[in-house]
């Protein structure tokens, strides 16, 4: 079970949910929220990372605002009103917090995000190539005007996308994978057959959670993160 903490964010203060492994030390991983906010599902994902040996920090990008899992309109409003500069600042501050934390054993930091957080995972990897060494986006990626300069990314990327997804279409995911691979990036974006958007979500707000798929993917994810975030 983790706890809420505060950290510095470019001269301001932000907060987040920090989960430590039983051994109290491990590689650092940022967990980026869905459009609901820092909810029970994201905290559970941070706890699961901690159980797998990671120091996990989920920054609260909405600064205390939260949408219930039946409030899709509110979630959409919160996402649309999120100041991009503040989100970038808070995620970067979370990276620095983890990198400097006594419990963190790796120079490189990982990032994992879901839906909106999957999109922000790519942005953080491009924003902080000095620290982000591994990225795991789930059913989310930048589209249109929100795309960063992918040339800046140094991280290895293992993405997991849904086949039935109106938010982040699988054809667009495959096109992004081809674009990044053509740049020489270490990236795989797997579109999982039969899956729906939010297939990893513990709260199952959309009715698409797939436990069998989760059980198959999770060991791949933790192995990938451990392999790209070795002890310093």
C-alpha atoms as a PDB file:
ATOM      1  CA  UNK A   1       0.000   0.000   0.000  1.00  0.00           C
ATOM      2  CA  UNK A   2       1.400   3.356  -1.015  1.00  0.00           C
ATOM      3  CA  UNK A   3       0.999   6.861   0.343  1.00  0.00           C
ATOM      4  CA  UNK A   4       0.401  10.390  -0.918  1.00  0.00           C
ATOM      5  CA  UNK A   5       3.505  12.561  -1.145  1.00  0.00           C
ATOM      6  CA  UNK A   6       4.443  16.048  -2.334  1.00  0.00           C
ATOM      7  CA  UNK A   7       7.303  16.873  -4.678  1.00  0.00           C
ATOM      8  CA  UNK A   8       8.810  19.948  -6.293  1.00  0.00           C
ATOM      9  CA  UNK A   9       7.563  20.858  -9.768  1.00  0.00           C
ATOM     10  CA  UNK A  10       9.562  23.668 -11.395  1.00  0.00           C
ATOM     11  CA  UNK A  11       9.290  26.043  -8.458  1.00  0.00           C
ATOM     12  CA  UNK A  12       5.818  24.862  -7.446  1.00  0.00           C
ATOM     13  CA  UNK A  13       4.560  21.825  -5.528  1.00  0.00           C
ATOM     14  CA  UNK A  14       2.722  18.819  -6.935  1.00  0.00           C
ATOM     15  CA  UNK A  15       1.485  15.622  -5.314  1.00  0.00           C
ATOM     16  CA  UNK A  16       1.294  11.968  -6.179  1.00  0.00           C
ATOM     17  CA  UNK A  17       0.890   8.405  -4.968  1.00  0.00           C
ATOM     18  CA  UNK A  18       4.155   6.647  -4.095  1.00  0.00           C
ATOM     19  CA  UNK A  19       4.359   2.860  -3.697  1.00  0.00           C
ATOM     20  CA  UNK A  20       7.536   1.172  -2.447  1.00  0.00           C
ATOM     21  CA  UNK A  21       8.498  -2.486  -2.913  1.00  0.00           C
ATOM     22  CA  UNK A  22       8.824  -4.833   0.062  1.00  0.00           C
ATOM     23  CA  UNK A  23      12.588  -4.596  -0.201  1.00  0.00           C
ATOM     24  CA  UNK A  24      12.171  -0.813   0.012  1.00  0.00           C
ATOM     25  CA  UNK A  25      14.433  -0.265  -3.000  1.00  0.00           C
ATOM     26  CA  UNK A  26      14.086  -0.834  -6.750  1.00  0.00           C
ATOM     27  CA  UNK A  27      14.011   0.801 -10.197  1.00  0.00           C
ATOM     28  CA  UNK A  28      11.831   3.904 -10.504  1.00  0.00           C
ATOM     29  CA  UNK A  29       8.692   3.965 -12.670  1.00  0.00           C
ATOM     30  CA  UNK A  30       6.284   6.858 -13.271  1.00  0.00           C
ATOM     31  CA  UNK A  31       2.621   5.791 -13.629  1.00  0.00           C
ATOM     32  CA  UNK A  32       0.518   8.215 -15.690  1.00  0.00           C
ATOM     33  CA  UNK A  33      -3.206   8.381 -15.009  1.00  0.00           C
ATOM     34  CA  UNK A  34      -6.217   7.799 -17.234  1.00  0.00           C
ATOM     35  CA  UNK A  35      -8.668  10.620 -17.860  1.00  0.00           C
ATOM     36  CA  UNK A  36     -10.486   9.838 -14.594  1.00  0.00           C
ATOM     37  CA  UNK A  37      -7.611  11.246 -12.520  1.00  0.00           C
ATOM     38  CA  UNK A  38      -5.511   9.733  -9.747  1.00  0.00           C
ATOM     39  CA  UNK A  39      -8.135   7.107  -8.961  1.00  0.00           C
ATOM     40  CA  UNK A  40      -8.200   3.697  -7.322  1.00  0.00           C
ATOM     41  CA  UNK A  41      -7.234   1.961 -10.575  1.00  0.00           C
ATOM     42  CA  UNK A  42      -4.032   3.964 -11.034  1.00  0.00           C
ATOM     43  CA  UNK A  43      -3.101   3.536  -7.380  1.00  0.00           C
ATOM     44  CA  UNK A  44      -3.640  -0.206  -7.772  1.00  0.00           C
ATOM     45  CA  UNK A  45      -1.329  -0.235 -10.805  1.00  0.00           C
ATOM     46  CA  UNK A  46       1.344   1.561  -8.760  1.00  0.00           C
ATOM     47  CA  UNK A  47       0.881  -1.008  -5.973  1.00  0.00           C
ATOM     48  CA  UNK A  48       1.233  -3.848  -8.470  1.00  0.00           C
ATOM     49  CA  UNK A  49       4.456  -2.351  -9.788  1.00  0.00           C
ATOM     50  CA  UNK A  50       5.728  -2.097  -6.220  1.00  0.00           C
ATOM     51  CA  UNK A  51       4.857  -5.762  -5.689  1.00  0.00           C
ATOM     52  CA  UNK A  52       6.989  -6.518  -8.768  1.00  0.00           C
ATOM     53  CA  UNK A  53       9.986  -4.714  -7.230  1.00  0.00           C
ATOM     54  CA  UNK A  54       9.627  -1.150  -8.519  1.00  0.00           C
ATOM     55  CA  UNK A  55       9.443   2.237  -6.838  1.00  0.00           C
ATOM     56  CA  UNK A  56       6.271   3.581  -8.460  1.00  0.00           C
ATOM     57  CA  UNK A  57       5.050   7.176  -8.448  1.00  0.00           C
ATOM     58  CA  UNK A  58       1.740   8.295  -9.962  1.00  0.00           C
ATOM     59  CA  UNK A  59       1.621  12.111 -10.139  1.00  0.00           C
ATOM     60  CA  UNK A  60      -1.775  13.754  -9.641  1.00  0.00           C
ATOM     61  CA  UNK A  61      -2.013  15.716 -12.885  1.00  0.00           C
ATOM     62  CA  UNK A  62      -5.498  17.059 -12.050  1.00  0.00           C
ATOM     63  CA  UNK A  63      -4.353  18.478  -8.689  1.00  0.00           C
ATOM     64  CA  UNK A  64      -7.083  16.842  -6.643  1.00  0.00           C
ATOM     65  CA  UNK A  65      -9.860  16.776  -9.246  1.00  0.00           C
ATOM     66  CA  UNK A  66     -11.391  13.371  -9.932  1.00  0.00           C
ATOM     67  CA  UNK A  67     -14.148  11.927 -12.105  1.00  0.00           C
ATOM     68  CA  UNK A  68     -16.166   8.925 -11.032  1.00  0.00           C
ATOM     69  CA  UNK A  69     -16.078   5.881 -13.280  1.00  0.00           C
ATOM     70  CA  UNK A  70     -19.596   6.632 -14.529  1.00  0.00           C
ATOM     71  CA  UNK A  71     -18.819  10.308 -15.209  1.00  0.00           C
ATOM     72  CA  UNK A  72     -17.368  10.156 -18.693  1.00  0.00           C
ATOM     73  CA  UNK A  73     -18.437  13.709 -19.516  1.00  0.00           C
ATOM     74  CA  UNK A  74     -16.635  15.034 -16.446  1.00  0.00           C
ATOM     75  CA  UNK A  75     -13.564  12.938 -17.251  1.00  0.00           C
ATOM     76  CA  UNK A  76     -13.521  14.383 -20.761  1.00  0.00           C
ATOM     77  CA  UNK A  77     -13.820  17.906 -19.389  1.00  0.00           C
ATOM     78  CA  UNK A  78     -10.973  17.338 -16.941  1.00  0.00           C
ATOM     79  CA  UNK A  79      -8.756  15.965 -19.696  1.00  0.00           C
ATOM     80  CA  UNK A  80      -9.544  18.811 -22.092  1.00  0.00           C
ATOM     81  CA  UNK A  81      -8.953  21.461 -19.424  1.00  0.00           C
ATOM     82  CA  UNK A  82      -5.632  19.995 -18.229  1.00  0.00           C
ATOM     83  CA  UNK A  83      -2.975  22.663 -18.937  1.00  0.00           C
ATOM     84  CA  UNK A  84      -0.361  20.890 -21.106  1.00  0.00           C
ATOM     85  CA  UNK A  85       2.504  22.923 -19.659  1.00  0.00           C
ATOM     86  CA  UNK A  86       1.492  22.059 -16.091  1.00  0.00           C
ATOM     87  CA  UNK A  87       1.156  18.362 -16.917  1.00  0.00           C
ATOM     88  CA  UNK A  88       4.610  18.385 -18.523  1.00  0.00           C
ATOM     89  CA  UNK A  89       6.055  20.216 -15.540  1.00  0.00           C
ATOM     90  CA  UNK A  90       4.485  17.839 -13.013  1.00  0.00           C
ATOM     91  CA  UNK A  91       5.597  14.714 -14.863  1.00  0.00           C
ATOM     92  CA  UNK A  92       9.121  16.066 -15.171  1.00  0.00           C
ATOM     93  CA  UNK A  93       9.145  16.925 -11.474  1.00  0.00           C
ATOM     94  CA  UNK A  94       7.997  13.383 -10.681  1.00  0.00           C
ATOM     95  CA  UNK A  95      10.892  12.010 -12.754  1.00  0.00           C
ATOM     96  CA  UNK A  96      13.380  14.129 -10.800  1.00  0.00           C
ATOM     97  CA  UNK A  97      11.800  13.094  -7.497  1.00  0.00           C
ATOM     98  CA  UNK A  98      12.157   9.406  -8.321  1.00  0.00           C
ATOM     99  CA  UNK A  99      15.664   9.808  -9.724  1.00  0.00           C
ATOM    100  CA  UNK A 100      16.798  11.432  -6.470  1.00  0.00           C
ATOM    101  CA  UNK A 101      14.836   9.175  -4.088  1.00  0.00           C
ATOM    102  CA  UNK A 102      16.917   6.974  -1.786  1.00  0.00           C
ATOM    103  CA  UNK A 103      14.802   3.951  -2.704  1.00  0.00           C
ATOM    104  CA  UNK A 104      15.494   4.217  -6.444  1.00  0.00           C
ATOM    105  CA  UNK A 105      18.275   1.939  -7.654  1.00  0.00           C
ATOM    106  CA  UNK A 106      18.388   2.842 -11.358  1.00  0.00           C
ATOM    107  CA  UNK A 107      19.798   5.859 -13.207  1.00  0.00           C
ATOM    108  CA  UNK A 108      17.156   5.442 -15.884  1.00  0.00           C
ATOM    109  CA  UNK A 109      13.486   5.892 -15.026  1.00  0.00           C
ATOM    110  CA  UNK A 110      10.565   4.021 -16.566  1.00  0.00           C
ATOM    111  CA  UNK A 111       7.132   5.354 -17.441  1.00  0.00           C
ATOM    112  CA  UNK A 112       3.837   3.509 -17.838  1.00  0.00           C
ATOM    113  CA  UNK A 113       0.560   5.156 -18.802  1.00  0.00           C
ATOM    114  CA  UNK A 114      -3.005   4.240 -19.672  1.00  0.00           C
ATOM    115  CA  UNK A 115      -5.342   5.889 -22.225  1.00  0.00           C
ATOM    116  CA  UNK A 116      -4.589   9.619 -21.785  1.00  0.00           C
ATOM    117  CA  UNK A 117      -1.587   8.452 -19.786  1.00  0.00           C
ATOM    118  CA  UNK A 118      -0.459   6.296 -22.691  1.00  0.00           C
ATOM    119  CA  UNK A 119      -0.369   9.398 -24.870  1.00  0.00           C
ATOM    120  CA  UNK A 120       1.495  11.321 -22.154  1.00  0.00           C
ATOM    121  CA  UNK A 121       3.982   8.450 -21.848  1.00  0.00           C
ATOM    122  CA  UNK A 122       5.288   9.284 -25.321  1.00  0.00           C
ATOM    123  CA  UNK A 123       5.402  12.995 -24.511  1.00  0.00           C
ATOM    124  CA  UNK A 124       7.382  12.412 -21.319  1.00  0.00           C
ATOM    125  CA  UNK A 125       9.830  10.123 -23.124  1.00  0.00           C
ATOM    126  CA  UNK A 126      10.430  12.900 -25.671  1.00  0.00           C
ATOM    127  CA  UNK A 127      10.583  15.604 -22.985  1.00  0.00           C
ATOM    128  CA  UNK A 128      13.039  13.768 -20.693  1.00  0.00           C
ATOM    129  CA  UNK A 129      15.297  11.581 -22.826  1.00  0.00           C
ATOM    130  CA  UNK A 130      18.018  12.227 -20.237  1.00  0.00           C
ATOM    131  CA  UNK A 131      16.118  10.066 -17.724  1.00  0.00           C
ATOM    132  CA  UNK A 132      13.374   8.014 -19.396  1.00  0.00           C
ATOM    133  CA  UNK A 133      14.947   4.707 -20.424  1.00  0.00           C
ATOM    134  CA  UNK A 134      11.837   2.525 -20.783  1.00  0.00           C
ATOM    135  CA  UNK A 135       8.245   3.347 -21.696  1.00  0.00           C
ATOM    136  CA  UNK A 136       5.110   1.195 -21.606  1.00  0.00           C
ATOM    137  CA  UNK A 137       2.061   2.968 -23.096  1.00  0.00           C
ATOM    138  CA  UNK A 138      -1.296   1.204 -22.914  1.00  0.00           C
ATOM    139  CA  UNK A 139      -4.059   1.985 -25.460  1.00  0.00           C
ATOM    140  CA  UNK A 140      -2.958   5.588 -25.926  1.00  0.00           C
ATOM    141  CA  UNK A 141      -0.551   7.553 -28.132  1.00  0.00           C
ATOM    142  CA  UNK A 142      -0.230  11.113 -29.512  1.00  0.00           C
ATOM    143  CA  UNK A 143      -2.297  12.021 -32.541  1.00  0.00           C
ATOM    144  CA  UNK A 144      -2.663  15.153 -34.650  1.00  0.00           C
ATOM    145  CA  UNK A 145      -1.270  18.339 -33.145  1.00  0.00           C
ATOM    146  CA  UNK A 146      -0.372  16.658 -29.837  1.00  0.00           C
ATOM    147  CA  UNK A 147       2.599  14.754 -31.268  1.00  0.00           C
ATOM    148  CA  UNK A 148       6.070  15.515 -29.917  1.00  0.00           C
ATOM    149  CA  UNK A 149       9.369  15.427 -31.767  1.00  0.00           C
ATOM    150  CA  UNK A 150       9.857  11.671 -31.712  1.00  0.00           C
ATOM    151  CA  UNK A 151      13.504  12.095 -32.691  1.00  0.00           C
ATOM    152  CA  UNK A 152      14.205  13.088 -29.085  1.00  0.00           C
ATOM    153  CA  UNK A 153      13.108   9.738 -27.646  1.00  0.00           C
ATOM    154  CA  UNK A 154      15.900   7.516 -26.337  1.00  0.00           C
ATOM    155  CA  UNK A 155      13.742   5.058 -24.397  1.00  0.00           C
ATOM    156  CA  UNK A 156      12.877   1.547 -25.440  1.00  0.00           C
ATOM    157  CA  UNK A 157       9.106   1.344 -25.905  1.00  0.00           C
ATOM    158  CA  UNK A 158       6.830  -1.659 -25.388  1.00  0.00           C
ATOM    159  CA  UNK A 159       3.264  -0.556 -26.148  1.00  0.00           C
ATOM    160  CA  UNK A 160       0.030  -2.500 -25.792  1.00  0.00           C
ATOM    161  CA  UNK A 161      -2.947  -1.344 -27.859  1.00  0.00           C
ATOM    162  CA  UNK A 162      -6.536  -2.480 -28.279  1.00  0.00           C
ATOM    163  CA  UNK A 163      -8.038  -3.904 -31.471  1.00  0.00           C
ATOM    164  CA  UNK A 164     -11.452  -2.365 -30.819  1.00  0.00           C
ATOM    165  CA  UNK A 165     -10.681   1.227 -29.871  1.00  0.00           C
ATOM    166  CA  UNK A 166     -12.444   4.330 -31.160  1.00  0.00           C
ATOM    167  CA  UNK A 167     -10.198   6.603 -29.082  1.00  0.00           C
ATOM    168  CA  UNK A 168      -6.853   5.317 -30.360  1.00  0.00           C
ATOM    169  CA  UNK A 169      -7.438   3.292 -33.559  1.00  0.00           C
ATOM    170  CA  UNK A 170      -5.231   0.246 -34.162  1.00  0.00           C
ATOM    171  CA  UNK A 171      -4.301   1.324 -37.691  1.00  0.00           C
ATOM    172  CA  UNK A 172      -2.931   4.582 -36.280  1.00  0.00           C
ATOM    173  CA  UNK A 173      -0.945   2.614 -33.702  1.00  0.00           C
ATOM    174  CA  UNK A 174       0.590   0.457 -36.425  1.00  0.00           C
ATOM    175  CA  UNK A 175       1.434   3.556 -38.476  1.00  0.00           C
ATOM    176  CA  UNK A 176       3.150   5.167 -35.471  1.00  0.00           C
ATOM    177  CA  UNK A 177       5.125   1.986 -34.820  1.00  0.00           C
ATOM    178  CA  UNK A 178       6.353   1.974 -38.433  1.00  0.00           C
ATOM    179  CA  UNK A 179       7.242   5.680 -38.235  1.00  0.00           C
ATOM    180  CA  UNK A 180       9.283   5.240 -35.066  1.00  0.00           C
ATOM    181  CA  UNK A 181      10.999   2.086 -36.275  1.00  0.00           C
ATOM    182  CA  UNK A 182      11.993   3.936 -39.465  1.00  0.00           C
ATOM    183  CA  UNK A 183      13.718   6.465 -37.190  1.00  0.00           C
ATOM    184  CA  UNK A 184      15.708   3.640 -35.621  1.00  0.00           C
ATOM    185  CA  UNK A 185      13.763   3.663 -32.351  1.00  0.00           C
ATOM    186  CA  UNK A 186      13.473   0.519 -30.214  1.00  0.00           C
ATOM    187  CA  UNK A 187       9.689   0.265 -30.275  1.00  0.00           C
ATOM    188  CA  UNK A 188       6.995  -2.389 -30.459  1.00  0.00           C
ATOM    189  CA  UNK A 189       3.310  -1.450 -30.357  1.00  0.00           C
ATOM    190  CA  UNK A 190       1.301  -4.654 -30.117  1.00  0.00           C
ATOM    191  CA  UNK A 191      -2.383  -4.565 -31.056  1.00  0.00           C
ATOM    192  CA  UNK A 192      -3.972  -7.369 -29.054  1.00  0.00           C
ATOM    193  CA  UNK A 193      -6.651  -9.269 -31.018  1.00  0.00           C
ATOM    194  CA  UNK A 194     -10.142  -9.134 -29.602  1.00  0.00           C
ATOM    195  CA  UNK A 195      -9.284  -6.525 -26.994  1.00  0.00           C
ATOM    196  CA  UNK A 196     -11.192  -3.335 -26.190  1.00  0.00           C
ATOM    197  CA  UNK A 197     -10.009   0.015 -24.900  1.00  0.00           C
ATOM    198  CA  UNK A 198      -9.035  -0.050 -21.189  1.00  0.00           C
ATOM    199  CA  UNK A 199      -8.534  -3.815 -21.120  1.00  0.00           C
ATOM    200  CA  UNK A 200      -6.092  -3.457 -18.199  1.00  0.00           C
ATOM    201  CA  UNK A 201      -8.297  -1.230 -16.003  1.00  0.00           C
ATOM    202  CA  UNK A 202      -8.969  -2.832 -12.577  1.00  0.00           C
ATOM    203  CA  UNK A 203     -12.215  -0.836 -12.157  1.00  0.00           C
ATOM    204  CA  UNK A 204     -13.617  -2.105 -15.498  1.00  0.00           C
ATOM    205  CA  UNK A 205     -15.497   1.164 -16.019  1.00  0.00           C
ATOM    206  CA  UNK A 206     -16.052   0.477 -19.730  1.00  0.00           C
ATOM    207  CA  UNK A 207     -16.804  -3.231 -19.337  1.00  0.00           C
ATOM    208  CA  UNK A 208     -13.754  -4.156 -21.419  1.00  0.00           C
ATOM    209  CA  UNK A 209     -11.364  -5.406 -18.728  1.00  0.00           C
ATOM    210  CA  UNK A 210      -9.723  -8.666 -19.826  1.00  0.00           C
ATOM    211  CA  UNK A 211      -8.104 -10.525 -16.938  1.00  0.00           C
ATOM    212  CA  UNK A 212      -6.678 -13.301 -19.095  1.00  0.00           C
ATOM    213  CA  UNK A 213      -4.968 -10.747 -21.336  1.00  0.00           C
ATOM    214  CA  UNK A 214      -3.743  -8.827 -18.292  1.00  0.00           C
ATOM    215  CA  UNK A 215      -2.242 -12.003 -16.825  1.00  0.00           C
ATOM    216  CA  UNK A 216      -0.423 -12.702 -20.106  1.00  0.00           C
ATOM    217  CA  UNK A 217       0.904  -9.157 -20.598  1.00  0.00           C
ATOM    218  CA  UNK A 218       1.973  -8.237 -17.067  1.00  0.00           C
ATOM    219  CA  UNK A 219       5.012 -10.563 -16.835  1.00  0.00           C
ATOM    220  CA  UNK A 220       6.219  -9.224 -20.205  1.00  0.00           C
ATOM    221  CA  UNK A 221       5.906  -5.667 -18.929  1.00  0.00           C
ATOM    222  CA  UNK A 222       7.755  -6.215 -15.658  1.00  0.00           C
ATOM    223  CA  UNK A 223      10.517  -8.172 -17.402  1.00  0.00           C
ATOM    224  CA  UNK A 224      10.884  -5.387 -19.970  1.00  0.00           C
ATOM    225  CA  UNK A 225      11.121  -2.714 -17.286  1.00  0.00           C
ATOM    226  CA  UNK A 226      13.615  -4.655 -15.187  1.00  0.00           C
ATOM    227  CA  UNK A 227      15.787  -5.333 -18.249  1.00  0.00           C
ATOM    228  CA  UNK A 228      15.935  -1.645 -19.267  1.00  0.00           C
ATOM    229  CA  UNK A 229      16.251  -0.225 -15.746  1.00  0.00           C
ATOM    230  CA  UNK A 230      19.287  -2.035 -14.315  1.00  0.00           C
ATOM    231  CA  UNK A 231      20.692  -1.067 -10.895  1.00  0.00           C
ATOM    232  CA  UNK A 232      23.193   1.785 -10.998  1.00  0.00           C
END
